[in-house]
Structures are given as structure tokens and as C-alpha cells.
Amino acid sequence: MKCRVGCGACCIVPSISSPIPGMPEGKPAGIRCIQLTEDNQCRLVGLPDRPTVCSHFKAVVDVCGHDDQQAWVLITQLETLTQ
């Protein structure tokens, strides 16, 4: 599936332990990534500074569901299970 433009769940819900430009310690779960624009677009797409974990993330129904609300629920469940 293609990433739903404007969703942003994968850039807000999970913790990211890798350094992110502007967030050298990574980001805690539930905190908006500093590189996420107001319309939930990543400023780092295609740039070498983008964390590997972000570059390797692929939107799939099992993680992203069928709409933005499902993405938030599913990613929250995954984050809780992997803490």
C-alpha cells in the first residue's frame, strides 16, 4: 500500500531511538517528530539525514490499517507491545 499523505501516525505515535536532526536523543512515544510539517509531511524524505528506521518503514495494512484512525490505534498497540 502507499503511505496516506497527511496521516503522520508513524511520526508521532512510536518512540524512535535513533538520532533525528533537531532531536539528537531520538523521540519519545506520543511526541511529534520535529521534522514533521504542519500538514504531516516529513521534511527529511530523500535526504541523507533521515534516520534509517524511518527510511525503512513501509506502509502496510497490518500496521497502518485502512484509515488514519486505525493507523493510530494499531501503531499505539505495537508501541505498547514493544516497550
PDB file of N, CA and C in Angstrom:
ATOM      1  N   MET A   1       0.842  -1.183   0.000  1.00  0.00           N
ATOM      2  CA  MET A   1       0.000   0.000   0.000  1.00  0.00           C
ATOM      3  C   MET A   1       0.878   1.234   0.000  1.00  0.00           C
ATOM      4  N   LYS A   2       0.317   2.341  -0.394  1.00  0.00           N
ATOM      5  CA  LYS A   2       1.045   3.603  -0.346  1.00  0.00           C
ATOM      6  C   LYS A   2       0.740   4.310   0.969  1.00  0.00           C
ATOM      7  N   CYS A   3       1.710   5.040   1.450  1.00  0.00           N
ATOM      8  CA  CYS A   3       1.523   5.839   2.659  1.00  0.00           C
ATOM      9  C   CYS A   3       0.402   6.853   2.409  1.00  0.00           C
ATOM     10  N   ARG A   4      -0.479   7.011   3.410  1.00  0.00           N
ATOM     11  CA  ARG A   4      -1.557   8.004   3.280  1.00  0.00           C
ATOM     12  C   ARG A   4      -0.996   9.384   3.599  1.00  0.00           C
ATOM     13  N   VAL A   5      -0.976  10.227   2.616  1.00  0.00           N
ATOM     14  CA  VAL A   5      -0.454  11.578   2.779  1.00  0.00           C
ATOM     15  C   VAL A   5      -1.233  12.293   3.880  1.00  0.00           C
ATOM     16  N   GLY A   6      -0.500  12.861   4.827  1.00  0.00           N
ATOM     17  CA  GLY A   6      -1.118  13.641   5.887  1.00  0.00           C
ATOM     18  C   GLY A   6      -1.473  12.868   7.133  1.00  0.00           C
ATOM     19  N   CYS A   7      -1.241  11.560   7.165  1.00  0.00           N
ATOM     20  CA  CYS A   7      -1.586  10.753   8.343  1.00  0.00           C
ATOM     21  C   CYS A   7      -0.672  11.105   9.519  1.00  0.00           C
ATOM     22  N   GLY A   8       0.615  10.868   9.377  1.00  0.00           N
ATOM     23  CA  GLY A   8       1.593  11.240  10.405  1.00  0.00           C
ATOM     24  C   GLY A   8       1.677  10.329  11.605  1.00  0.00           C
ATOM     25  N   ALA A   9       0.855   9.289  11.690  1.00  0.00           N
ATOM     26  CA  ALA A   9       0.848   8.422  12.878  1.00  0.00           C
ATOM     27  C   ALA A   9       2.222   7.815  13.146  1.00  0.00           C
ATOM     28  N   CYS A  10       2.915   7.388  12.113  1.00  0.00           N
ATOM     29  CA  CYS A  10       4.222   6.744  12.297  1.00  0.00           C
ATOM     30  C   CYS A  10       5.298   7.731  12.744  1.00  0.00           C
ATOM     31  N   CYS A  11       5.029   9.016  12.649  1.00  0.00           N
ATOM     32  CA  CYS A  11       5.983  10.049  13.059  1.00  0.00           C
ATOM     33  C   CYS A  11       5.616  10.677  14.404  1.00  0.00           C
ATOM     34  N   ILE A  12       4.530  10.215  14.986  1.00  0.00           N
ATOM     35  CA  ILE A  12       4.076  10.755  16.270  1.00  0.00           C
ATOM     36  C   ILE A  12       3.955   9.651  17.314  1.00  0.00           C
ATOM     37  N   VAL A  13       3.268   8.585  16.987  1.00  0.00           N
ATOM     38  CA  VAL A  13       2.919   7.550  17.973  1.00  0.00           C
ATOM     39  C   VAL A  13       4.132   6.796  18.512  1.00  0.00           C
ATOM     40  N   PRO A  14       4.998   6.222  17.667  1.00  0.00           N
ATOM     41  CA  PRO A  14       6.064   5.377  18.218  1.00  0.00           C
ATOM     42  C   PRO A  14       7.257   6.170  18.738  1.00  0.00           C
ATOM     43  N   SER A  15       7.993   5.529  19.634  1.00  0.00           N
ATOM     44  CA  SER A  15       9.274   6.095  20.031  1.00  0.00           C
ATOM     45  C   SER A  15      10.273   5.777  18.919  1.00  0.00           C
ATOM     46  N   ILE A  16      11.255   6.646  18.757  1.00  0.00           N
ATOM     47  CA  ILE A  16      12.329   6.428  17.785  1.00  0.00           C
ATOM     48  C   ILE A  16      13.628   6.648  18.545  1.00  0.00           C
ATOM     49  N   SER A  17      14.430   5.606  18.673  1.00  0.00           N
ATOM     50  CA  SER A  17      15.653   5.707  19.473  1.00  0.00           C
ATOM     51  C   SER A  17      16.829   6.286  18.686  1.00  0.00           C
ATOM     52  N   SER A  18      16.728   6.314  17.375  1.00  0.00           N
ATOM     53  CA  SER A  18      17.796   6.868  16.545  1.00  0.00           C
ATOM     54  C   SER A  18      17.800   8.385  16.620  1.00  0.00           C
ATOM     55  N   PRO A  19      18.985   8.992  16.528  1.00  0.00           N
ATOM     56  CA  PRO A  19      19.023  10.459  16.457  1.00  0.00           C
ATOM     57  C   PRO A  19      18.283  10.960  15.216  1.00  0.00           C
ATOM     58  N   ILE A  20      17.602  12.070  15.383  1.00  0.00           N
ATOM     59  CA  ILE A  20      16.881  12.741  14.302  1.00  0.00           C
ATOM     60  C   ILE A  20      17.412  14.172  14.288  1.00  0.00           C
ATOM     61  N   PRO A  21      17.664  14.769  13.131  1.00  0.00           N
ATOM     62  CA  PRO A  21      18.089  16.160  13.138  1.00  0.00           C
ATOM     63  C   PRO A  21      17.119  17.020  13.952  1.00  0.00           C
ATOM     64  N   GLY A  22      17.652  17.695  14.952  1.00  0.00           N
ATOM     65  CA  GLY A  22      16.830  18.504  15.844  1.00  0.00           C
ATOM     66  C   GLY A  22      16.358  17.742  17.071  1.00  0.00           C
ATOM     67  N   MET A  23      16.545  16.428  17.077  1.00  0.00           N
ATOM     68  CA  MET A  23      16.176  15.560  18.207  1.00  0.00           C
ATOM     69  C   MET A  23      17.308  14.530  18.374  1.00  0.00           C
ATOM     70  N   PRO A  24      18.458  14.963  18.871  1.00  0.00           N
ATOM     71  CA  PRO A  24      19.634  14.082  18.916  1.00  0.00           C
ATOM     72  C   PRO A  24      19.474  12.839  19.785  1.00  0.00           C
ATOM     73  N   GLU A  25      18.527  12.845  20.696  1.00  0.00           N
ATOM     74  CA  GLU A  25      18.281  11.677  21.548  1.00  0.00           C
ATOM     75  C   GLU A  25      17.141  10.813  21.002  1.00  0.00           C
ATOM     76  N   GLY A  26      16.679  11.093  19.795  1.00  0.00           N
ATOM     77  CA  GLY A  26      15.522  10.403  19.246  1.00  0.00           C
ATOM     78  C   GLY A  26      14.253  11.074  19.745  1.00  0.00           C
ATOM     79  N   LYS A  27      13.146  10.368  19.711  1.00  0.00           N
ATOM     80  CA  LYS A  27      11.892  10.957  20.195  1.00  0.00           C
ATOM     81  C   LYS A  27      11.093   9.941  20.990  1.00  0.00           C
ATOM     82  N   PRO A  28      10.484  10.395  22.066  1.00  0.00           N
ATOM     83  CA  PRO A  28       9.641   9.504  22.856  1.00  0.00           C
ATOM     84  C   PRO A  28       8.310   9.227  22.142  1.00  0.00           C
ATOM     85  N   ALA A  29       7.674   8.143  22.537  1.00  0.00           N
ATOM     86  CA  ALA A  29       6.357   7.804  22.004  1.00  0.00           C
ATOM     87  C   ALA A  29       5.371   8.923  22.306  1.00  0.00           C
ATOM     88  N   GLY A  30       4.530   9.212  21.334  1.00  0.00           N
ATOM     89  CA  GLY A  30       3.492  10.220  21.515  1.00  0.00           C
ATOM     90  C   GLY A  30       3.935  11.645  21.292  1.00  0.00           C
ATOM     91  N   ILE A  31       5.203  11.840  21.019  1.00  0.00           N
ATOM     92  CA  ILE A  31       5.743  13.181  20.760  1.00  0.00           C
ATOM     93  C   ILE A  31       5.909  13.341  19.252  1.00  0.00           C
ATOM     94  N   ARG A  32       5.444  14.440  18.750  1.00  0.00           N
ATOM     95  CA  ARG A  32       5.539  14.745  17.319  1.00  0.00           C
ATOM     96  C   ARG A  32       7.004  14.934  16.922  1.00  0.00           C
ATOM     97  N   CYS A  33       7.429  14.279  15.861  1.00  0.00           N
ATOM     98  CA  CYS A  33       8.788  14.463  15.363  1.00  0.00           C
ATOM     99  C   CYS A  33       8.955  15.915  14.925  1.00  0.00           C
ATOM    100  N   ILE A  34      10.081  16.486  15.276  1.00  0.00           N
ATOM    101  CA  ILE A  34      10.353  17.887  14.929  1.00  0.00           C
ATOM    102  C   ILE A  34      10.434  18.084  13.418  1.00  0.00           C
ATOM    103  N   GLN A  35      10.678  17.015  12.678  1.00  0.00           N
ATOM    104  CA  GLN A  35      10.796  17.105  11.225  1.00  0.00           C
ATOM    105  C   GLN A  35       9.467  16.919  10.499  1.00  0.00           C
ATOM    106  N   LEU A  36       8.393  16.794  11.258  1.00  0.00           N
ATOM    107  CA  LEU A  36       7.068  16.638  10.670  1.00  0.00           C
ATOM    108  C   LEU A  36       6.446  18.019  10.466  1.00  0.00           C
ATOM    109  N   THR A  37       6.021  18.309   9.244  1.00  0.00           N
ATOM    110  CA  THR A  37       5.446  19.613   8.947  1.00  0.00           C
ATOM    111  C   THR A  37       4.028  19.710   9.513  1.00  0.00           C
ATOM    112  N   GLU A  38       3.461  20.895   9.449  1.00  0.00           N
ATOM    113  CA  GLU A  38       2.096  21.113   9.942  1.00  0.00           C
ATOM    114  C   GLU A  38       1.071  20.231   9.232  1.00  0.00           C
ATOM    115  N   ASP A  39       1.348  19.901   7.955  1.00  0.00           N
ATOM    116  CA  ASP A  39       0.428  19.038   7.215  1.00  0.00           C
ATOM    117  C   ASP A  39       0.889  17.575   7.218  1.00  0.00           C
ATOM    118  N   ASN A  40       1.702  17.234   8.227  1.00  0.00           N
ATOM    119  CA  ASN A  40       2.167  15.865   8.474  1.00  0.00           C
ATOM    120  C   ASN A  40       2.974  15.261   7.329  1.00  0.00           C
ATOM    121  N   GLN A  41       3.873  16.034   6.793  1.00  0.00           N
ATOM    122  CA  GLN A  41       4.814  15.563   5.781  1.00  0.00           C
ATOM    123  C   GLN A  41       6.210  15.596   6.392  1.00  0.00           C
ATOM    124  N   CYS A  42       7.030  14.592   6.087  1.00  0.00           N
ATOM    125  CA  CYS A  42       8.391  14.534   6.615  1.00  0.00           C
ATOM    126  C   CYS A  42       9.306  15.444   5.799  1.00  0.00           C
ATOM    127  N   ARG A  43      10.006  16.318   6.500  1.00  0.00           N
ATOM    128  CA  ARG A  43      10.956  17.215   5.828  1.00  0.00           C
ATOM    129  C   ARG A  43      12.206  16.483   5.342  1.00  0.00           C
ATOM    130  N   LEU A  44      12.434  15.260   5.840  1.00  0.00           N
ATOM    131  CA  LEU A  44      13.680  14.549   5.550  1.00  0.00           C
ATOM    132  C   LEU A  44      13.580  13.498   4.452  1.00  0.00           C
ATOM    133  N   VAL A  45      12.399  13.317   3.863  1.00  0.00           N
ATOM    134  CA  VAL A  45      12.255  12.312   2.805  1.00  0.00           C
ATOM    135  C   VAL A  45      13.256  12.599   1.693  1.00  0.00           C
ATOM    136  N   GLY A  46      14.026  11.572   1.356  1.00  0.00           N
ATOM    137  CA  GLY A  46      15.015  11.692   0.285  1.00  0.00           C
ATOM    138  C   GLY A  46      16.337  12.313   0.694  1.00  0.00           C
ATOM    139  N   LEU A  47      16.464  12.711   1.961  1.00  0.00           N
ATOM    140  CA  LEU A  47      17.703  13.323   2.434  1.00  0.00           C
ATOM    141  C   LEU A  47      18.546  12.317   3.216  1.00  0.00           C
ATOM    142  N   PRO A  48      19.867  12.458   3.169  1.00  0.00           N
ATOM    143  CA  PRO A  48      20.729  11.503   3.877  1.00  0.00           C
ATOM    144  C   PRO A  48      20.604  11.583   5.407  1.00  0.00           C
ATOM    145  N   ASP A  49      20.085  12.675   5.935  1.00  0.00           N
ATOM    146  CA  ASP A  49      19.929  12.821   7.389  1.00  0.00           C
ATOM    147  C   ASP A  49      18.734  12.045   7.940  1.00  0.00           C
ATOM    148  N   ARG A  50      17.893  11.527   7.074  1.00  0.00           N
ATOM    149  CA  ARG A  50      16.717  10.793   7.544  1.00  0.00           C
ATOM    150  C   ARG A  50      17.170   9.517   8.243  1.00  0.00           C
ATOM    151  N   PRO A  51      16.664   9.269   9.468  1.00  0.00           N
ATOM    152  CA  PRO A  51      17.059   8.057  10.179  1.00  0.00           C
ATOM    153  C   PRO A  51      16.746   6.792   9.380  1.00  0.00           C
ATOM    154  N   THR A  52      17.611   5.811   9.479  1.00  0.00           N
ATOM    155  CA  THR A  52      17.433   4.550   8.758  1.00  0.00           C
ATOM    156  C   THR A  52      16.099   3.905   9.093  1.00  0.00           C
ATOM    157  N   VAL A  53      15.719   3.930  10.362  1.00  0.00           N
ATOM    158  CA  VAL A  53      14.452   3.312  10.764  1.00  0.00           C
ATOM    159  C   VAL A  53      13.284   3.963  10.029  1.00  0.00           C
ATOM    160  N   CYS A  54      13.354   5.237   9.797  1.00  0.00           N
ATOM    161  CA  CYS A  54      12.289   5.942   9.073  1.00  0.00           C
ATOM    162  C   CYS A  54      12.323   5.594   7.581  1.00  0.00           C
ATOM    163  N   SER A  55      13.502   5.554   7.021  1.00  0.00           N
ATOM    164  CA  SER A  55      13.642   5.226   5.596  1.00  0.00           C
ATOM    165  C   SER A  55      13.161   3.823   5.287  1.00  0.00           C
ATOM    166  N   HIS A  56      13.342   2.913   6.240  1.00  0.00           N
ATOM    167  CA  HIS A  56      12.967   1.521   6.006  1.00  0.00           C
ATOM    168  C   HIS A  56      11.505   1.222   6.319  1.00  0.00           C
ATOM    169  N   PHE A  57      10.814   2.160   6.969  1.00  0.00           N
ATOM    170  CA  PHE A  57       9.410   1.924   7.282  1.00  0.00           C
ATOM    171  C   PHE A  57       8.589   1.887   6.001  1.00  0.00           C
ATOM    172  N   LYS A  58       7.770   0.867   5.873  1.00  0.00           N
ATOM    173  CA  LYS A  58       6.879   0.731   4.723  1.00  0.00           C
ATOM    174  C   LYS A  58       5.450   0.638   5.232  1.00  0.00           C
ATOM    175  N   ALA A  59       4.573   1.380   4.630  1.00  0.00           N
ATOM    176  CA  ALA A  59       3.158   1.334   4.999  1.00  0.00           C
ATOM    177  C   ALA A  59       2.577  -0.012   4.578  1.00  0.00           C
ATOM    178  N   VAL A  60       1.983  -0.699   5.534  1.00  0.00           N
ATOM    179  CA  VAL A  60       1.285  -1.962   5.272  1.00  0.00           C
ATOM    180  C   VAL A  60      -0.016  -1.943   6.066  1.00  0.00           C
ATOM    181  N   VAL A  61      -1.007  -2.633   5.584  1.00  0.00           N
ATOM    182  CA  VAL A  61      -2.325  -2.634   6.221  1.00  0.00           C
ATOM    183  C   VAL A  61      -2.249  -3.115   7.667  1.00  0.00           C
ATOM    184  N   ASP A  62      -1.395  -4.094   7.957  1.00  0.00           N
ATOM    185  CA  ASP A  62      -1.287  -4.625   9.317  1.00  0.00           C
ATOM    186  C   ASP A  62      -0.821  -3.574  10.319  1.00  0.00           C
ATOM    187  N   VAL A  63      -0.112  -2.581   9.864  1.00  0.00           N
ATOM    188  CA  VAL A  63       0.392  -1.516  10.739  1.00  0.00           C
ATOM    189  C   VAL A  63      -0.438  -0.246  10.584  1.00  0.00           C
ATOM    190  N   CYS A  64      -0.818   0.071   9.375  1.00  0.00           N
ATOM    191  CA  CYS A  64      -1.472   1.347   9.082  1.00  0.00           C
ATOM    192  C   CYS A  64      -2.994   1.266   8.977  1.00  0.00           C
ATOM    193  N   GLY A  65      -3.528   0.055   8.951  1.00  0.00           N
ATOM    194  CA  GLY A  65      -4.972  -0.093   8.847  1.00  0.00           C
ATOM    195  C   GLY A  65      -5.508   0.448   7.536  1.00  0.00           C
ATOM    196  N   HIS A  66      -6.796   0.762   7.552  1.00  0.00           N
ATOM    197  CA  HIS A  66      -7.467   1.232   6.338  1.00  0.00           C
ATOM    198  C   HIS A  66      -7.754   2.723   6.358  1.00  0.00           C
ATOM    199  N   ASP A  67      -7.448   3.375   7.484  1.00  0.00           N
ATOM    200  CA  ASP A  67      -7.601   4.830   7.559  1.00  0.00           C
ATOM    201  C   ASP A  67      -6.678   5.359   8.658  1.00  0.00           C
ATOM    202  N   ASP A  68      -6.600   6.674   8.778  1.00  0.00           N
ATOM    203  CA  ASP A  68      -5.686   7.289   9.744  1.00  0.00           C
ATOM    204  C   ASP A  68      -6.001   6.876  11.179  1.00  0.00           C
ATOM    205  N   GLN A  69      -7.271   6.783  11.512  1.00  0.00           N
ATOM    206  CA  GLN A  69      -7.653   6.415  12.878  1.00  0.00           C
ATOM    207  C   GLN A  69      -7.162   5.005  13.211  1.00  0.00           C
ATOM    208  N   GLN A  70      -7.313   4.074  12.281  1.00  0.00           N
ATOM    209  CA  GLN A  70      -6.817   2.718  12.506  1.00  0.00           C
ATOM    210  C   GLN A  70      -5.304   2.720  12.651  1.00  0.00           C
ATOM    211  N   ALA A  71      -4.611   3.547  11.882  1.00  0.00           N
ATOM    212  CA  ALA A  71      -3.156   3.630  11.994  1.00  0.00           C
ATOM    213  C   ALA A  71      -2.756   4.026  13.410  1.00  0.00           C
ATOM    214  N   TRP A  72      -3.427   5.020  13.965  1.00  0.00           N
ATOM    215  CA  TRP A  72      -3.107   5.463  15.328  1.00  0.00           C
ATOM    216  C   TRP A  72      -3.322   4.337  16.328  1.00  0.00           C
ATOM    217  N   VAL A  73      -4.421   3.604  16.194  1.00  0.00           N
ATOM    218  CA  VAL A  73      -4.732   2.506  17.120  1.00  0.00           C
ATOM    219  C   VAL A  73      -3.698   1.391  16.979  1.00  0.00           C
ATOM    220  N   LEU A  74      -3.434   0.952  15.753  1.00  0.00           N
ATOM    221  CA  LEU A  74      -2.516  -0.159  15.529  1.00  0.00           C
ATOM    222  C   LEU A  74      -1.086   0.179  15.937  1.00  0.00           C
ATOM    223  N   ILE A  75      -0.621   1.358  15.594  1.00  0.00           N
ATOM    224  CA  ILE A  75       0.750   1.738  15.946  1.00  0.00           C
ATOM    225  C   ILE A  75       0.875   1.926  17.452  1.00  0.00           C
ATOM    226  N   THR A  76      -0.162   2.424  18.093  1.00  0.00           N
ATOM    227  CA  THR A  76      -0.149   2.537  19.565  1.00  0.00           C
ATOM    228  C   THR A  76      -0.053   1.147  20.196  1.00  0.00           C
ATOM    229  N   GLN A  77      -0.800   0.191  19.674  1.00  0.00           N
ATOM    230  CA  GLN A  77      -0.735  -1.182  20.199  1.00  0.00           C
ATOM    231  C   GLN A  77       0.662  -1.766  20.002  1.00  0.00           C
ATOM    232  N   LEU A  78       1.251  -1.558  18.836  1.00  0.00           N
ATOM    233  CA  LEU A  78       2.606  -2.065  18.589  1.00  0.00           C
ATOM    234  C   LEU A  78       3.614  -1.413  19.527  1.00  0.00           C
ATOM    235  N   GLU A  79       3.490  -0.132  19.728  1.00  0.00           N
ATOM    236  CA  GLU A  79       4.403   0.576  20.633  1.00  0.00           C
ATOM    237  C   GLU A  79       4.284   0.022  22.043  1.00  0.00           C
ATOM    238  N   THR A  80       3.083  -0.212  22.501  1.00  0.00           N
ATOM    239  CA  THR A  80       2.852  -0.755  23.843  1.00  0.00           C
ATOM    240  C   THR A  80       3.449  -2.157  23.978  1.00  0.00           C
ATOM    241  N   LEU A  81       3.280  -2.973  22.964  1.00  0.00           N
ATOM    242  CA  LEU A  81       3.797  -4.343  22.997  1.00  0.00           C
ATOM    243  C   LEU A  81       5.321  -4.421  22.958  1.00  0.00           C
ATOM    244  N   THR A  82       5.965  -3.403  22.410  1.00  0.00           N
ATOM    245  CA  THR A  82       7.424  -3.449  22.229  1.00  0.00           C
ATOM    246  C   THR A  82       8.189  -2.607  23.247  1.00  0.00           C
ATOM    247  N   GLN A  83       7.525  -2.123  24.253  1.00  0.00           N
ATOM    248  CA  GLN A  83       8.217  -1.309  25.268  1.00  0.00           C
ATOM    249  C   GLN A  83       9.031  -2.172  26.184  1.00  0.00           C
TER     250      GLN A  83
END
